[in-house]
């Protein structure tokens, strides 16, 4: 749950924290407006997501010629995903990098992406969120952007899809029966909690920064976590049994405070959008390489990695199918169908 005392305290020092609008001087003595964009992330600065944010910062600062400074904050230094989401909505910070799972708390349309086994591959994000020119757009994007605006947010990008592997302290998971009675860490997503419950596990919601200690102490038995993040958060030191259950795919998104975005001059808005397009254009190759390297690195660090066979994967799909049926009314049947059609997976 959000710590509102922290938020209230943060609001009292918004001037010192945010500094969204700064005043400087040109060499000829005339004043100009400069802006500062504070972007927070829960991932470490060694994660593949962090590389995208660093590229974004470099592009924006170069092309804005110093008019827009981007400050990056990693490793949850400004809060968990849910905390930095709310801080971005309130304007305490200007942007956050979070999962679509956590974004679904504020932007209802993202809940569809939490459904089990709805994605086929990491490239599905390109079909869903980007037009034929590679720019952020299309019917899915437009509807989500409208919902984001209603929550004082603006979506900047969505990364390639990553999947939650089953990462365990003691036993490799091969079938839903292996989850019986297991205490599984989940994100704040109610759907992620429902999925692990459908496998027979007991969901334990907590922020990613809390997981390492919880695994060490046995507070939890495992988690659903992408392999690249498993490396950057070093959770492999406490949990070395990994299987590609991949029960939930999600993207990582950057959200801007909408008022901040609209307050920027048109030229700076364009630079930000161009930076996002450039960054995502490189993300597919970057993520694929990072994923392949992560598997080999984790094996070299003593982790056991198990690939489920088709029959085993079908057991997990069957166990979680009722969640899709139950969520049709909450998420919207038409919305689920539209997303499935876009990724070539319509089953209506």
Protein backbone atom coordinates (compact mmCIF):
# COMPACT_ATOMS: atom_id res chain seq x y z
CA UNK A 1 0.00 0.00 0.00
CA UNK A 2 1.12 3.52 -0.78
CA UNK A 3 2.71 5.40 2.13
CA UNK A 4 0.77 8.65 2.02
CA UNK A 5 2.89 10.22 4.73
CA UNK A 6 5.85 9.90 2.41
CA UNK A 7 3.84 11.36 -0.45
CA UNK A 8 2.65 14.28 1.65
CA UNK A 9 6.20 14.99 2.73
CA UNK A 10 7.36 14.75 -0.85
CA UNK A 11 4.76 17.27 -1.95
CA UNK A 12 6.03 19.80 0.55
CA UNK A 13 9.41 19.73 -1.11
CA UNK A 14 8.24 19.50 -4.70
CA UNK A 15 10.28 22.58 -5.61
CA UNK A 16 13.51 20.97 -4.48
CA UNK A 17 12.63 17.52 -5.81
CA UNK A 18 11.01 18.20 -9.15
CA UNK A 19 12.29 21.51 -10.43
CA UNK A 20 10.38 20.94 -13.63
CA UNK A 21 10.89 24.46 -14.84
CA UNK A 22 14.24 26.18 -14.45
CA UNK A 23 15.43 29.58 -15.61
CA UNK A 24 18.85 30.02 -17.15
CA UNK A 25 20.74 32.57 -19.19
CA UNK A 26 22.08 32.50 -22.69
CA UNK A 27 25.59 33.74 -23.39
CA UNK A 28 24.15 37.02 -24.67
CA UNK A 29 22.49 37.67 -21.33
CA UNK A 30 18.93 36.84 -22.40
CA UNK A 31 16.97 34.42 -20.23
CA UNK A 32 15.54 31.14 -21.44
CA UNK A 33 13.39 28.43 -19.92
CA UNK A 34 14.94 25.05 -19.27
CA UNK A 35 13.15 21.97 -17.97
CA UNK A 36 14.05 19.00 -15.84
CA UNK A 37 12.48 15.56 -16.19
CA UNK A 38 12.94 13.25 -13.19
CA UNK A 39 12.34 9.63 -14.26
CA UNK A 40 12.23 6.90 -11.60
CA UNK A 41 12.52 3.12 -11.99
CA UNK A 42 12.56 0.17 -9.62
CA UNK A 43 15.08 -1.73 -11.78
CA UNK A 44 18.81 -1.45 -11.20
CA UNK A 45 21.02 0.59 -13.50
CA UNK A 46 22.46 -2.65 -14.93
CA UNK A 47 19.10 -3.95 -16.17
CA UNK A 48 18.28 -3.98 -19.89
CA UNK A 49 15.44 -1.54 -19.18
CA UNK A 50 17.95 0.88 -17.70
CA UNK A 51 19.89 0.83 -20.96
CA UNK A 52 16.82 2.13 -22.80
CA UNK A 53 16.38 4.92 -20.25
CA UNK A 54 20.03 5.92 -20.59
CA UNK A 55 19.67 6.05 -24.38
CA UNK A 56 16.55 8.17 -23.96
CA UNK A 57 18.37 10.61 -21.68
CA UNK A 58 21.29 10.90 -24.10
CA UNK A 59 19.03 11.57 -27.09
CA UNK A 60 16.83 14.14 -25.34
CA UNK A 61 19.68 16.14 -23.83
CA UNK A 62 21.63 16.17 -27.09
CA UNK A 63 18.73 17.20 -29.33
CA UNK A 64 17.23 19.71 -26.90
CA UNK A 65 20.64 21.41 -26.64
CA UNK A 66 20.38 21.63 -22.88
CA UNK A 67 16.78 22.85 -22.71
CA UNK A 68 15.59 19.58 -21.18
CA UNK A 69 17.62 17.71 -18.58
CA UNK A 70 16.71 14.09 -17.80
CA UNK A 71 17.59 12.76 -14.35
CA UNK A 72 17.34 9.00 -13.84
CA UNK A 73 16.73 7.27 -10.52
CA UNK A 74 17.19 3.49 -10.35
CA UNK A 75 16.85 0.60 -7.88
CA UNK A 76 13.66 1.89 -6.30
CA UNK A 77 15.42 4.89 -4.78
CA UNK A 78 12.22 6.93 -5.19
CA UNK A 79 9.84 4.06 -4.39
CA UNK A 80 8.30 0.86 -5.72
CA UNK A 81 6.44 0.68 -9.04
CA UNK A 82 3.13 1.57 -7.41
CA UNK A 83 4.70 4.43 -5.44
CA UNK A 84 6.45 6.05 -8.39
CA UNK A 85 3.28 5.63 -10.47
CA UNK A 86 1.32 7.66 -7.92
CA UNK A 87 4.12 10.20 -7.59
CA UNK A 88 4.03 10.66 -11.37
CA UNK A 89 0.27 11.13 -11.33
CA UNK A 90 0.60 13.76 -8.61
CA UNK A 91 3.46 15.57 -10.34
CA UNK A 92 5.98 14.96 -7.56
CA UNK A 93 8.17 13.44 -10.28
CA UNK A 94 7.68 13.81 -14.02
CA UNK A 95 7.98 10.21 -15.23
CA UNK A 96 8.25 6.57 -14.20
CA UNK A 97 9.34 3.30 -15.75
CA UNK A 98 7.01 0.51 -14.55
CA UNK A 99 5.47 -2.77 -15.70
CA UNK A 100 2.15 -2.90 -17.52
CA UNK A 101 0.99 -5.09 -14.61
CA UNK A 102 1.39 -2.22 -12.17
CA UNK A 103 0.15 0.33 -14.71
CA UNK A 104 -3.15 -1.56 -14.76
CA UNK A 105 -3.87 -0.12 -11.31
CA UNK A 106 -4.42 3.30 -12.90
CA UNK A 107 -5.05 2.46 -16.57
CA UNK A 108 -7.72 -0.21 -16.76
CA UNK A 109 -6.98 -1.23 -20.34
CA UNK A 110 -3.59 -2.61 -19.36
CA UNK A 111 -5.29 -5.32 -17.31
CA UNK A 112 -5.82 -7.33 -20.48
CA UNK A 113 -2.07 -7.79 -20.80
CA UNK A 114 -1.99 -9.54 -17.42
CA UNK A 115 -4.18 -12.37 -18.70
CA UNK A 116 -2.35 -15.71 -18.75
CA UNK A 117 -0.75 -16.83 -21.99
CA UNK A 118 -2.26 -14.05 -24.11
CA UNK A 119 1.10 -13.25 -25.73
CA UNK A 120 2.97 -15.38 -28.25
CA UNK A 121 6.34 -13.68 -28.41
CA UNK A 122 8.33 -10.61 -27.30
CA UNK A 123 7.56 -8.98 -30.65
CA UNK A 124 3.83 -8.76 -29.94
CA UNK A 125 4.33 -5.26 -28.53
CA UNK A 126 5.33 -4.01 -31.98
CA UNK A 127 2.02 -5.19 -33.45
CA UNK A 128 -0.04 -3.91 -30.54
CA UNK A 129 1.39 -0.46 -29.90
CA UNK A 130 3.25 0.71 -33.00
CA UNK A 131 2.19 1.65 -36.52
CA UNK A 132 3.84 0.61 -39.75
CA UNK A 133 6.36 3.46 -39.48
CA UNK A 134 7.51 2.29 -36.06
CA UNK A 135 5.90 5.19 -34.19
CA UNK A 136 3.70 4.79 -31.14
CA UNK A 137 0.14 4.60 -32.48
CA UNK A 138 -2.82 2.52 -33.60
CA UNK A 139 -6.21 1.59 -32.07
CA UNK A 140 -4.77 -0.10 -28.95
CA UNK A 141 -2.45 2.79 -28.23
CA UNK A 142 -5.14 5.42 -28.82
CA UNK A 143 -7.57 3.87 -26.36
CA UNK A 144 -4.91 3.38 -23.69
CA UNK A 145 -3.66 6.93 -24.19
CA UNK A 146 -7.18 8.25 -23.60
CA UNK A 147 -7.45 6.27 -20.38
CA UNK A 148 -4.01 7.46 -19.29
CA UNK A 149 -4.97 11.09 -19.88
CA UNK A 150 -7.97 10.65 -17.58
CA UNK A 151 -5.49 9.66 -14.86
CA UNK A 152 -3.13 12.62 -15.49
CA UNK A 153 -0.68 10.40 -17.38
CA UNK A 154 0.81 10.16 -20.87
CA UNK A 155 2.24 6.91 -22.24
CA UNK A 156 5.61 7.34 -23.90
CA UNK A 157 6.58 3.80 -24.88
CA UNK A 158 6.02 0.08 -24.30
CA UNK A 159 8.97 -2.29 -24.51
CA UNK A 160 9.04 -5.78 -26.05
CA UNK A 161 7.10 -8.33 -24.04
CA UNK A 162 8.96 -10.16 -21.28
CA UNK A 163 7.68 -13.24 -19.47
CA UNK A 164 7.50 -14.35 -15.85
CA UNK A 165 9.55 -17.50 -15.35
CA UNK A 166 8.97 -19.52 -12.17
CA UNK A 167 11.97 -18.90 -9.90
CA UNK A 168 12.07 -21.14 -6.84
CA UNK A 169 14.23 -21.66 -3.78
CA UNK A 170 13.99 -25.45 -3.53
CA UNK A 171 12.19 -27.27 -6.33
CA UNK A 172 11.89 -26.94 -10.09
CA UNK A 173 8.30 -26.36 -11.22
CA UNK A 174 7.16 -28.60 -14.08
CA UNK A 175 3.37 -28.86 -13.60
CA UNK A 176 0.71 -26.95 -11.65
CA UNK A 177 0.88 -29.67 -8.99
CA UNK A 178 4.39 -28.48 -8.14
CA UNK A 179 2.92 -25.14 -7.03
CA UNK A 180 0.70 -26.69 -4.33
CA UNK A 181 1.07 -24.71 -1.09
CA UNK A 182 4.00 -22.67 -2.41
CA UNK A 183 4.27 -19.05 -1.22
CA UNK A 184 4.77 -17.07 -4.44
CA UNK A 185 5.69 -13.41 -4.54
CA UNK A 186 3.56 -11.44 -6.99
CA UNK A 187 3.32 -7.83 -8.09
CA UNK A 188 0.35 -5.68 -7.06
CA UNK A 189 -1.60 -7.06 -10.04
CA UNK A 190 -4.77 -8.83 -8.91
CA UNK A 191 -4.60 -10.93 -12.07
CA UNK A 192 -1.10 -12.15 -11.34
CA UNK A 193 -2.31 -13.17 -7.90
CA UNK A 194 -5.25 -14.99 -9.48
CA UNK A 195 -2.98 -16.83 -11.92
CA UNK A 196 -0.62 -18.22 -9.28
CA UNK A 197 -3.66 -19.15 -7.18
CA UNK A 198 -5.08 -21.10 -10.13
CA UNK A 199 -1.87 -23.16 -10.09
CA UNK A 200 -2.37 -23.94 -6.39
CA UNK A 201 0.17 -21.46 -4.98
CA UNK A 202 -0.41 -18.85 -2.28
CA UNK A 203 0.23 -15.32 -3.67
CA UNK A 204 2.26 -12.89 -1.55
CA UNK A 205 2.24 -9.36 -3.06
CA UNK A 206 5.39 -7.32 -2.44
CA UNK A 207 7.66 -4.83 -4.17
CA UNK A 208 10.59 -6.18 -6.19
CA UNK A 209 13.11 -4.54 -3.86
CA UNK A 210 11.79 -6.63 -0.94
CA UNK A 211 12.04 -10.00 -2.67
CA UNK A 212 15.75 -10.77 -2.16
CA UNK A 213 15.49 -10.70 1.64
CA UNK A 214 12.15 -12.54 1.58
CA UNK A 215 13.71 -15.35 -0.46
CA UNK A 216 16.71 -15.54 1.84
CA UNK A 217 14.57 -15.70 4.96
CA UNK A 218 12.06 -18.14 3.50
CA UNK A 219 9.17 -15.68 3.79
CA UNK A 220 8.40 -16.71 0.21
CA UNK A 221 9.31 -19.86 -1.71
CA UNK A 222 9.54 -18.31 -5.14
CA UNK A 223 8.42 -15.66 -7.58
CA UNK A 224 7.36 -15.07 -11.16
CA UNK A 225 10.19 -12.94 -12.55
CA UNK A 226 11.80 -12.22 -15.93
CA UNK A 227 15.29 -13.65 -16.30
CA UNK A 228 17.03 -10.37 -17.11
CA UNK A 229 15.63 -8.81 -13.94
CA UNK A 230 16.60 -11.92 -12.00
CA UNK A 231 20.21 -11.10 -12.84
CA UNK A 232 20.07 -7.37 -12.19
CA UNK A 233 18.26 -7.80 -8.85
CA UNK A 234 20.57 -10.75 -7.97
CA UNK A 235 17.65 -12.88 -6.82
CA UNK A 236 19.48 -15.91 -8.26
CA UNK A 237 21.67 -15.81 -5.16
CA UNK A 238 18.66 -16.90 -3.09
CA UNK A 239 16.65 -18.90 -5.66
CA UNK A 240 18.40 -21.08 -8.24
CA UNK A 241 15.59 -23.29 -9.59
CA UNK A 242 14.16 -21.75 -12.77
CA UNK A 243 11.56 -23.01 -15.25
CA UNK A 244 10.06 -21.25 -18.25
CA UNK A 245 6.44 -21.47 -17.12
CA UNK A 246 6.17 -17.95 -18.60
CA UNK A 247 2.62 -17.70 -17.31
CA UNK A 248 2.28 -13.97 -17.79
CA UNK A 249 3.76 -11.66 -20.36
CA UNK A 250 4.05 -7.96 -19.78
CA UNK A 251 5.73 -4.90 -21.16
CA UNK A 252 7.60 -2.15 -19.41
CA UNK A 253 6.25 1.32 -20.02
CA UNK A 254 7.36 4.86 -19.45
CA UNK A 255 4.62 7.19 -18.23
CA UNK A 256 4.88 10.97 -18.11
CA UNK A 257 2.86 13.29 -15.92
CA UNK A 258 0.36 14.61 -18.47
CA UNK A 259 0.39 18.20 -17.20
CA UNK A 260 4.17 18.26 -17.41
CA UNK A 261 4.06 16.85 -20.92
CA UNK A 262 1.51 19.44 -22.07
CA UNK A 263 3.48 22.26 -20.41
CA UNK A 264 6.52 21.61 -22.59
CA UNK A 265 7.04 23.64 -25.77
CA UNK A 266 6.02 21.76 -28.91
CA UNK A 267 9.64 21.37 -29.98
CA UNK A 268 10.52 19.57 -26.73
CA UNK A 269 7.44 17.34 -26.93
CA UNK A 270 8.58 16.29 -30.40
CA UNK A 271 12.12 15.58 -29.19
CA UNK A 272 10.75 13.35 -26.43
CA UNK A 273 8.53 11.45 -28.87
CA UNK A 274 11.39 11.09 -31.37
CA UNK A 275 13.65 9.83 -28.58
CA UNK A 276 11.06 7.21 -27.62
CA UNK A 277 10.74 6.03 -31.24
CA UNK A 278 14.52 5.78 -31.59
CA UNK A 279 14.91 3.88 -28.33
CA UNK A 280 12.15 1.35 -29.06
CA UNK A 281 13.54 0.83 -32.56
CA UNK A 282 16.61 -0.69 -30.90
CA UNK A 283 14.80 -2.47 -28.08
CA UNK A 284 13.89 -5.71 -29.86
CA UNK A 285 17.47 -6.72 -30.59
CA UNK A 286 18.64 -5.45 -27.20
CA UNK A 287 16.03 -7.45 -25.27
CA UNK A 288 16.54 -10.65 -27.27
CA UNK A 289 20.30 -10.54 -26.73
CA UNK A 290 19.85 -9.77 -23.04
CA UNK A 291 17.44 -12.70 -22.63
CA UNK A 292 19.75 -15.20 -24.33
CA UNK A 293 22.73 -13.96 -22.36
CA UNK A 294 20.74 -14.14 -19.13
CA UNK A 295 20.02 -17.85 -19.55
CA UNK A 296 23.67 -18.68 -20.12
CA UNK A 297 24.83 -16.40 -17.32
CA UNK A 298 22.37 -17.88 -14.81
CA UNK A 299 23.52 -21.39 -15.71
CA UNK A 300 27.13 -20.34 -15.19
CA UNK A 301 26.16 -19.03 -11.75
CA UNK A 302 24.89 -22.43 -10.68
CA UNK A 303 21.19 -22.05 -11.53
CA UNK A 304 19.17 -24.97 -12.85
CA UNK A 305 17.09 -23.99 -15.90
CA UNK A 306 14.23 -26.20 -17.09
CA UNK A 307 12.30 -25.85 -20.37
CA UNK A 308 8.76 -27.14 -20.18
CA UNK A 309 7.63 -29.49 -22.93
CA UNK A 310 4.39 -28.73 -24.85
CA UNK A 311 2.30 -31.08 -22.71
CA UNK A 312 3.49 -29.44 -19.49
CA UNK A 313 2.77 -25.96 -20.85
CA UNK A 314 -0.73 -27.06 -21.84
CA UNK A 315 -1.40 -28.04 -18.22
CA UNK A 316 -0.64 -24.50 -17.07
CA UNK A 317 -2.78 -22.99 -19.81
CA UNK A 318 -5.68 -25.23 -18.88
CA UNK A 319 -5.34 -24.46 -15.17
CA UNK A 320 -5.52 -20.71 -15.78
CA UNK A 321 -8.18 -20.62 -18.52
CA UNK A 322 -11.00 -19.86 -16.08
CA UNK A 323 -9.31 -16.54 -15.26
CA UNK A 324 -9.85 -15.33 -18.82
CA UNK A 325 -13.49 -16.39 -18.68
CA UNK A 326 -13.98 -14.66 -15.32
CA UNK A 327 -12.36 -11.42 -16.50
CA UNK A 328 -14.41 -10.97 -19.67
CA UNK A 329 -16.87 -8.65 -17.94
CA UNK A 330 -14.30 -6.78 -15.83
CA UNK A 331 -11.90 -6.08 -18.69
CA UNK A 332 -14.42 -6.10 -21.52
CA UNK A 333 -15.01 -8.83 -24.07
CA UNK A 334 -14.61 -6.44 -27.01
CA UNK A 335 -11.33 -5.12 -25.63
CA UNK A 336 -9.94 -8.64 -25.14
CA UNK A 337 -11.03 -9.55 -28.68
CA UNK A 338 -9.40 -6.45 -30.15
CA UNK A 339 -6.10 -7.20 -28.45
CA UNK A 340 -6.21 -10.84 -29.49
CA UNK A 341 -7.04 -9.91 -33.07
CA UNK A 342 -4.10 -7.51 -33.18
CA UNK A 343 -1.66 -10.20 -32.07
CA UNK A 344 -3.22 -12.85 -34.31
CA UNK A 345 -4.62 -14.86 -31.45
CA UNK A 346 -8.36 -14.40 -31.67
CA UNK A 347 -10.27 -17.35 -30.23
CA UNK A 348 -13.72 -15.86 -30.15
